[in-house]
C-alpha atoms as a PDB file:
ATOM      1  CA  UNK A   1      82.528 193.126 -52.950  1.00  0.00           C
ATOM      2  CA  UNK A   2      79.492 191.905 -54.779  1.00  0.00           C
ATOM      3  CA  UNK A   3      79.147 190.318 -58.132  1.00  0.00           C
ATOM      4  CA  UNK A   4      80.280 192.466 -61.011  1.00  0.00           C
ATOM      5  CA  UNK A   5      78.047 192.319 -64.019  1.00  0.00           C
ATOM      6  CA  UNK A   6      79.170 193.693 -67.354  1.00  0.00           C
ATOM      7  CA  UNK A   7      75.917 193.319 -69.221  1.00  0.00           C
ATOM      8  CA  UNK A   8      74.894 196.955 -69.222  1.00  0.00           C
ATOM      9  CA  UNK A   9      74.391 198.847 -72.447  1.00  0.00           C
ATOM     10  CA  UNK A  10      73.934 202.535 -73.099  1.00  0.00           C
ATOM     11  CA  UNK A  11      72.488 204.290 -76.107  1.00  0.00           C
ATOM     12  CA  UNK A  12      76.047 204.845 -77.316  1.00  0.00           C
ATOM     13  CA  UNK A  13      76.167 201.155 -78.237  1.00  0.00           C
ATOM     14  CA  UNK A  14      73.897 202.173 -81.097  1.00  0.00           C
ATOM     15  CA  UNK A  15      76.729 204.269 -82.514  1.00  0.00           C
ATOM     16  CA  UNK A  16      75.718 207.650 -81.115  1.00  0.00           C
ATOM     17  CA  UNK A  17      77.535 209.753 -78.564  1.00  0.00           C
ATOM     18  CA  UNK A  18      76.214 211.742 -75.634  1.00  0.00           C
ATOM     19  CA  UNK A  19      75.570 215.435 -76.310  1.00  0.00           C
ATOM     20  CA  UNK A  20      76.882 216.936 -73.076  1.00  0.00           C
ATOM     21  CA  UNK A  21      74.845 220.121 -73.532  1.00  0.00           C
ATOM     22  CA  UNK A  22      71.604 218.225 -73.983  1.00  0.00           C
ATOM     23  CA  UNK A  23      68.812 218.753 -71.495  1.00  0.00           C
ATOM     24  CA  UNK A  24      67.667 215.218 -72.286  1.00  0.00           C
ATOM     25  CA  UNK A  25      68.191 211.784 -70.827  1.00  0.00           C
ATOM     26  CA  UNK A  26      70.414 208.808 -71.481  1.00  0.00           C
ATOM     27  CA  UNK A  27      68.999 205.287 -71.345  1.00  0.00           C
ATOM     28  CA  UNK A  28      70.968 202.514 -69.648  1.00  0.00           C
ATOM     29  CA  UNK A  29      69.814 198.913 -69.786  1.00  0.00           C
ATOM     30  CA  UNK A  30      70.841 196.086 -67.503  1.00  0.00           C
ATOM     31  CA  UNK A  31      70.441 192.952 -69.583  1.00  0.00           C
ATOM     32  CA  UNK A  32      69.041 189.795 -68.083  1.00  0.00           C
ATOM     33  CA  UNK A  33      70.074 186.349 -69.270  1.00  0.00           C
ATOM     34  CA  UNK A  34      69.938 182.727 -68.157  1.00  0.00           C
ATOM     35  CA  UNK A  35      72.295 183.462 -65.255  1.00  0.00           C
ATOM     36  CA  UNK A  36      71.455 187.031 -64.228  1.00  0.00           C
ATOM     37  CA  UNK A  37      67.900 188.169 -63.400  1.00  0.00           C
ATOM     38  CA  UNK A  38      67.871 191.896 -64.201  1.00  0.00           C
ATOM     39  CA  UNK A  39      64.589 192.328 -62.323  1.00  0.00           C
ATOM     40  CA  UNK A  40      66.503 191.761 -59.071  1.00  0.00           C
ATOM     41  CA  UNK A  41      68.185 195.169 -59.539  1.00  0.00           C
ATOM     42  CA  UNK A  42      66.571 197.568 -57.068  1.00  0.00           C
ATOM     43  CA  UNK A  43      65.781 200.771 -59.024  1.00  0.00           C
ATOM     44  CA  UNK A  44      65.866 202.869 -55.848  1.00  0.00           C
ATOM     45  CA  UNK A  45      69.539 201.994 -55.388  1.00  0.00           C
ATOM     46  CA  UNK A  46      70.713 202.726 -58.953  1.00  0.00           C
ATOM     47  CA  UNK A  47      73.389 205.419 -59.421  1.00  0.00           C
ATOM     48  CA  UNK A  48      75.051 206.234 -62.732  1.00  0.00           C
ATOM     49  CA  UNK A  49      78.337 207.941 -63.547  1.00  0.00           C
ATOM     50  CA  UNK A  50      80.723 210.132 -61.567  1.00  0.00           C
ATOM     51  CA  UNK A  51      77.783 212.313 -60.531  1.00  0.00           C
ATOM     52  CA  UNK A  52      75.964 209.293 -59.051  1.00  0.00           C
ATOM     53  CA  UNK A  53      72.833 210.350 -60.922  1.00  0.00           C
ATOM     54  CA  UNK A  54      69.522 208.982 -59.694  1.00  0.00           C
ATOM     55  CA  UNK A  55      67.209 207.451 -62.294  1.00  0.00           C
ATOM     56  CA  UNK A  56      64.439 209.674 -63.606  1.00  0.00           C
ATOM     57  CA  UNK A  57      62.435 206.601 -64.533  1.00  0.00           C
ATOM     58  CA  UNK A  58      62.856 202.874 -64.930  1.00  0.00           C
ATOM     59  CA  UNK A  59      61.142 200.178 -66.956  1.00  0.00           C
ATOM     60  CA  UNK A  60      61.216 196.435 -67.524  1.00  0.00           C
ATOM     61  CA  UNK A  61      61.415 195.344 -71.162  1.00  0.00           C
ATOM     62  CA  UNK A  62      63.189 192.760 -73.291  1.00  0.00           C
ATOM     63  CA  UNK A  63      65.462 195.270 -75.045  1.00  0.00           C
ATOM     64  CA  UNK A  64      67.586 192.776 -76.938  1.00  0.00           C
ATOM     65  CA  UNK A  65      64.724 190.331 -77.679  1.00  0.00           C
ATOM     66  CA  UNK A  66      66.471 187.301 -76.172  1.00  0.00           C
ATOM     67  CA  UNK A  67      63.485 186.132 -74.129  1.00  0.00           C
ATOM     68  CA  UNK A  68      64.808 187.564 -70.831  1.00  0.00           C
ATOM     69  CA  UNK A  69      63.400 190.717 -69.242  1.00  0.00           C
ATOM     70  CA  UNK A  70      65.872 193.578 -68.886  1.00  0.00           C
ATOM     71  CA  UNK A  71      65.834 196.562 -66.505  1.00  0.00           C
ATOM     72  CA  UNK A  72      66.091 199.959 -68.190  1.00  0.00           C
ATOM     73  CA  UNK A  73      66.829 203.298 -66.576  1.00  0.00           C
ATOM     74  CA  UNK A  74      66.675 206.904 -67.765  1.00  0.00           C
ATOM     75  CA  UNK A  75      69.120 209.411 -66.287  1.00  0.00           C
ATOM     76  CA  UNK A  76      69.372 213.191 -66.844  1.00  0.00           C
ATOM     77  CA  UNK A  77      72.521 213.742 -68.921  1.00  0.00           C
ATOM     78  CA  UNK A  78      73.361 216.849 -66.887  1.00  0.00           C
ATOM     79  CA  UNK A  79      73.443 214.836 -63.635  1.00  0.00           C
ATOM     80  CA  UNK A  80      75.645 211.924 -64.752  1.00  0.00           C
ATOM     81  CA  UNK A  81      78.943 213.849 -64.695  1.00  0.00           C
ATOM     82  CA  UNK A  82      80.070 212.898 -68.194  1.00  0.00           C
ATOM     83  CA  UNK A  83      83.363 214.274 -69.480  1.00  0.00           C
ATOM     84  CA  UNK A  84      84.442 214.985 -73.054  1.00  0.00           C
ATOM     85  CA  UNK A  85      85.723 212.139 -75.175  1.00  0.00           C
ATOM     86  CA  UNK A  86      85.638 208.425 -74.513  1.00  0.00           C
ATOM     87  CA  UNK A  87      85.177 207.320 -70.928  1.00  0.00           C
ATOM     88  CA  UNK A  88      84.086 204.266 -68.983  1.00  0.00           C
ATOM     89  CA  UNK A  89      80.970 205.049 -66.975  1.00  0.00           C
ATOM     90  CA  UNK A  90      79.665 202.794 -64.222  1.00  0.00           C
ATOM     91  CA  UNK A  91      76.163 201.926 -63.109  1.00  0.00           C
ATOM     92  CA  UNK A  92      76.135 200.857 -59.458  1.00  0.00           C
ATOM     93  CA  UNK A  93      73.088 199.325 -57.811  1.00  0.00           C
ATOM     94  CA  UNK A  94      71.998 196.871 -55.214  1.00  0.00           C
ATOM     95  CA  UNK A  95      69.945 193.749 -55.675  1.00  0.00           C
ATOM     96  CA  UNK A  96      66.829 193.206 -53.583  1.00  0.00           C
ATOM     97  CA  UNK A  97      68.784 190.558 -51.620  1.00  0.00           C
ATOM     98  CA  UNK A  98      71.390 193.176 -50.650  1.00  0.00           C
ATOM     99  CA  UNK A  99      74.088 192.107 -53.099  1.00  0.00           C
ATOM    100  CA  UNK A 100      76.138 194.999 -54.521  1.00  0.00           C
ATOM    101  CA  UNK A 101      76.187 195.153 -58.311  1.00  0.00           C
ATOM    102  CA  UNK A 102      78.154 197.252 -60.763  1.00  0.00           C
ATOM    103  CA  UNK A 103      78.670 197.321 -64.496  1.00  0.00           C
ATOM    104  CA  UNK A 104      80.282 199.763 -66.876  1.00  0.00           C
ATOM    105  CA  UNK A 105      80.273 200.739 -70.511  1.00  0.00           C
ATOM    106  CA  UNK A 106      82.382 203.040 -72.663  1.00  0.00           C
ATOM    107  CA  UNK A 107      80.546 206.149 -73.837  1.00  0.00           C
ATOM    108  CA  UNK A 108      81.592 209.087 -76.000  1.00  0.00           C
ATOM    109  CA  UNK A 109      80.776 212.605 -74.827  1.00  0.00           C
ATOM    110  CA  UNK A 110      80.740 215.491 -77.298  1.00  0.00           C
ATOM    111  CA  UNK A 111      79.600 219.142 -77.541  1.00  0.00           C
ATOM    112  CA  UNK A 112      81.519 219.924 -74.361  1.00  0.00           C
ATOM    113  CA  UNK A 113      81.107 223.010 -72.228  1.00  0.00           C
ATOM    114  CA  UNK A 114      84.206 225.173 -72.302  1.00  0.00           C
END
């Protein structure tokens, strides 16, 4: 397999959960650093969660203000396949050089559908 990167963050790192009934989006950022160039992540290949959601949009920003550009994605909450409670959700993608990449983060889903 390819290199596993663990430097992905979701909005739940800010202390909020994911409202599973929301019609909105969840933001996922792949953080770049001195070793990993986040801009090498091919947005067309990104899939998030059990539902393998496709990104609605992507952007390149320095989210954590460390001087390295990060790759951010927005995914429709309804397409990710979140479940209730705490779960580890994976972002899988390919780099432009063909390397397979994956990283995961723990998120909390609430307001579940019965």
